[in-house]
Amino acid sequence: MIGSAPLLYWVFILFDFLATLGLLSNRVQRVNLHSIKIRQCRLTQN
């Protein structure tokens, strides 16, 4: 039990993490595109 409990715990976290990525995938992509645009603007200004 001691060895199997943490495994189930991490599996639960992994599925929760993947579900969160699935729900926020569009938002994350938008944020990444926005940050890339900001970096490009900073590079062009320099």
N, C-alpha and C. Protein backbone atom coordinates (compact mmCIF):
# COMPACT_ATOMS: atom_id res chain seq x y z
N MET A 1 0.83 -1.21 0.00
CA MET A 1 0.00 0.00 0.00
C MET A 1 0.86 1.25 0.00
N ILE A 2 1.96 1.22 0.76
CA ILE A 2 2.79 2.42 0.85
C ILE A 2 3.41 2.75 -0.51
N GLY A 3 3.76 1.71 -1.26
CA GLY A 3 4.39 1.96 -2.56
C GLY A 3 3.39 2.29 -3.65
N SER A 4 2.15 1.78 -3.53
CA SER A 4 1.16 1.99 -4.58
C SER A 4 0.41 3.31 -4.42
N ALA A 5 0.31 3.80 -3.19
CA ALA A 5 -0.45 5.03 -2.95
C ALA A 5 0.16 6.23 -3.70
N PRO A 6 1.47 6.49 -3.58
CA PRO A 6 2.04 7.63 -4.31
C PRO A 6 1.89 7.48 -5.82
N LEU A 7 1.94 6.25 -6.32
CA LEU A 7 1.81 6.03 -7.76
C LEU A 7 0.42 6.48 -8.23
N LEU A 8 -0.62 6.05 -7.51
CA LEU A 8 -1.97 6.48 -7.87
C LEU A 8 -2.11 7.99 -7.73
N TYR A 9 -1.43 8.55 -6.74
CA TYR A 9 -1.49 10.00 -6.51
C TYR A 9 -0.90 10.75 -7.70
N TRP A 10 0.26 10.30 -8.19
CA TRP A 10 0.89 10.97 -9.33
C TRP A 10 0.11 10.74 -10.61
N VAL A 11 -0.50 9.55 -10.76
CA VAL A 11 -1.33 9.29 -11.95
C VAL A 11 -2.52 10.24 -11.95
N PHE A 12 -3.12 10.45 -10.78
CA PHE A 12 -4.25 11.38 -10.68
C PHE A 12 -3.82 12.79 -11.06
N ILE A 13 -2.66 13.23 -10.57
CA ILE A 13 -2.14 14.55 -10.89
C ILE A 13 -1.87 14.65 -12.39
N LEU A 14 -1.32 13.58 -12.97
CA LEU A 14 -1.00 13.59 -14.40
C LEU A 14 -2.26 13.76 -15.24
N PHE A 15 -3.31 13.00 -14.91
CA PHE A 15 -4.56 13.12 -15.67
C PHE A 15 -5.18 14.50 -15.48
N ASP A 16 -5.12 15.03 -14.26
CA ASP A 16 -5.66 16.36 -14.00
C ASP A 16 -4.88 17.40 -14.79
N PHE A 17 -3.56 17.23 -14.86
CA PHE A 17 -2.71 18.16 -15.60
C PHE A 17 -3.03 18.11 -17.09
N LEU A 18 -3.19 16.89 -17.63
CA LEU A 18 -3.52 16.75 -19.05
C LEU A 18 -4.89 17.34 -19.35
N ALA A 19 -5.84 17.14 -18.45
CA ALA A 19 -7.18 17.70 -18.64
C ALA A 19 -7.12 19.23 -18.64
N THR A 20 -6.31 19.79 -17.72
CA THR A 20 -6.17 21.24 -17.66
C THR A 20 -5.53 21.76 -18.94
N LEU A 21 -4.53 21.05 -19.46
CA LEU A 21 -3.89 21.46 -20.71
C LEU A 21 -4.90 21.42 -21.84
N GLY A 22 -5.75 20.41 -21.84
CA GLY A 22 -6.75 20.29 -22.90
C GLY A 22 -7.74 21.44 -22.88
N LEU A 23 -8.14 21.85 -21.66
CA LEU A 23 -9.12 22.93 -21.54
C LEU A 23 -8.50 24.28 -21.86
N LEU A 24 -7.22 24.45 -21.50
CA LEU A 24 -6.58 25.75 -21.65
C LEU A 24 -5.63 25.80 -22.84
N SER A 25 -5.68 24.78 -23.71
CA SER A 25 -4.73 24.72 -24.83
C SER A 25 -4.86 25.95 -25.71
N ASN A 26 -6.09 26.37 -26.01
CA ASN A 26 -6.28 27.53 -26.87
C ASN A 26 -5.74 28.79 -26.21
N ARG A 27 -6.01 28.97 -24.93
CA ARG A 27 -5.53 30.15 -24.22
C ARG A 27 -4.01 30.16 -24.16
N VAL A 28 -3.41 29.00 -23.90
CA VAL A 28 -1.96 28.91 -23.82
C VAL A 28 -1.33 29.27 -25.16
N GLN A 29 -1.91 28.78 -26.24
CA GLN A 29 -1.38 29.09 -27.56
C GLN A 29 -1.46 30.59 -27.82
N ARG A 30 -2.56 31.22 -27.43
CA ARG A 30 -2.70 32.66 -27.62
C ARG A 30 -1.66 33.42 -26.82
N VAL A 31 -1.44 33.00 -25.58
CA VAL A 31 -0.44 33.67 -24.73
C VAL A 31 0.94 33.51 -25.34
N ASN A 32 1.25 32.32 -25.85
CA ASN A 32 2.56 32.09 -26.46
C ASN A 32 2.74 32.96 -27.68
N LEU A 33 1.72 33.07 -28.52
CA LEU A 33 1.81 33.92 -29.71
C LEU A 33 1.99 35.37 -29.30
N HIS A 34 1.29 35.80 -28.26
CA HIS A 34 1.40 37.18 -27.79
C HIS A 34 2.80 37.46 -27.28
N SER A 35 3.36 36.53 -26.51
CA SER A 35 4.71 36.72 -25.96
C SER A 35 5.74 36.74 -27.09
N ILE A 36 5.53 35.93 -28.12
CA ILE A 36 6.46 35.91 -29.25
C ILE A 36 6.42 37.25 -29.97
N LYS A 37 5.23 37.83 -30.13
CA LYS A 37 5.11 39.13 -30.79
C LYS A 37 5.83 40.19 -29.99
N ILE A 38 5.69 40.15 -28.66
CA ILE A 38 6.36 41.12 -27.80
C ILE A 38 7.88 40.98 -27.94
N ARG A 39 8.38 39.76 -27.98
CA ARG A 39 9.82 39.54 -28.13
C ARG A 39 10.30 40.06 -29.46
N GLN A 40 9.53 39.84 -30.52
CA GLN A 40 9.92 40.32 -31.84
C GLN A 40 9.96 41.84 -31.85
N CYS A 41 8.99 42.49 -31.20
CA CYS A 41 8.97 43.95 -31.13
C CYS A 41 10.20 44.46 -30.39
N ARG A 42 10.57 43.80 -29.30
CA ARG A 42 11.74 44.23 -28.54
C ARG A 42 13.00 44.05 -29.37
N LEU A 43 13.08 42.96 -30.13
CA LEU A 43 14.26 42.74 -30.96
C LEU A 43 14.35 43.79 -32.06
N THR A 44 13.22 44.17 -32.64
CA THR A 44 13.24 45.15 -33.72
C THR A 44 13.58 46.53 -33.18
N GLN A 45 13.14 46.83 -31.96
CA GLN A 45 13.44 48.14 -31.37
C GLN A 45 14.93 48.25 -31.07
N ASN A 46 15.55 47.15 -30.66
CA ASN A 46 16.98 47.20 -30.35
C ASN A 46 17.77 47.22 -31.65
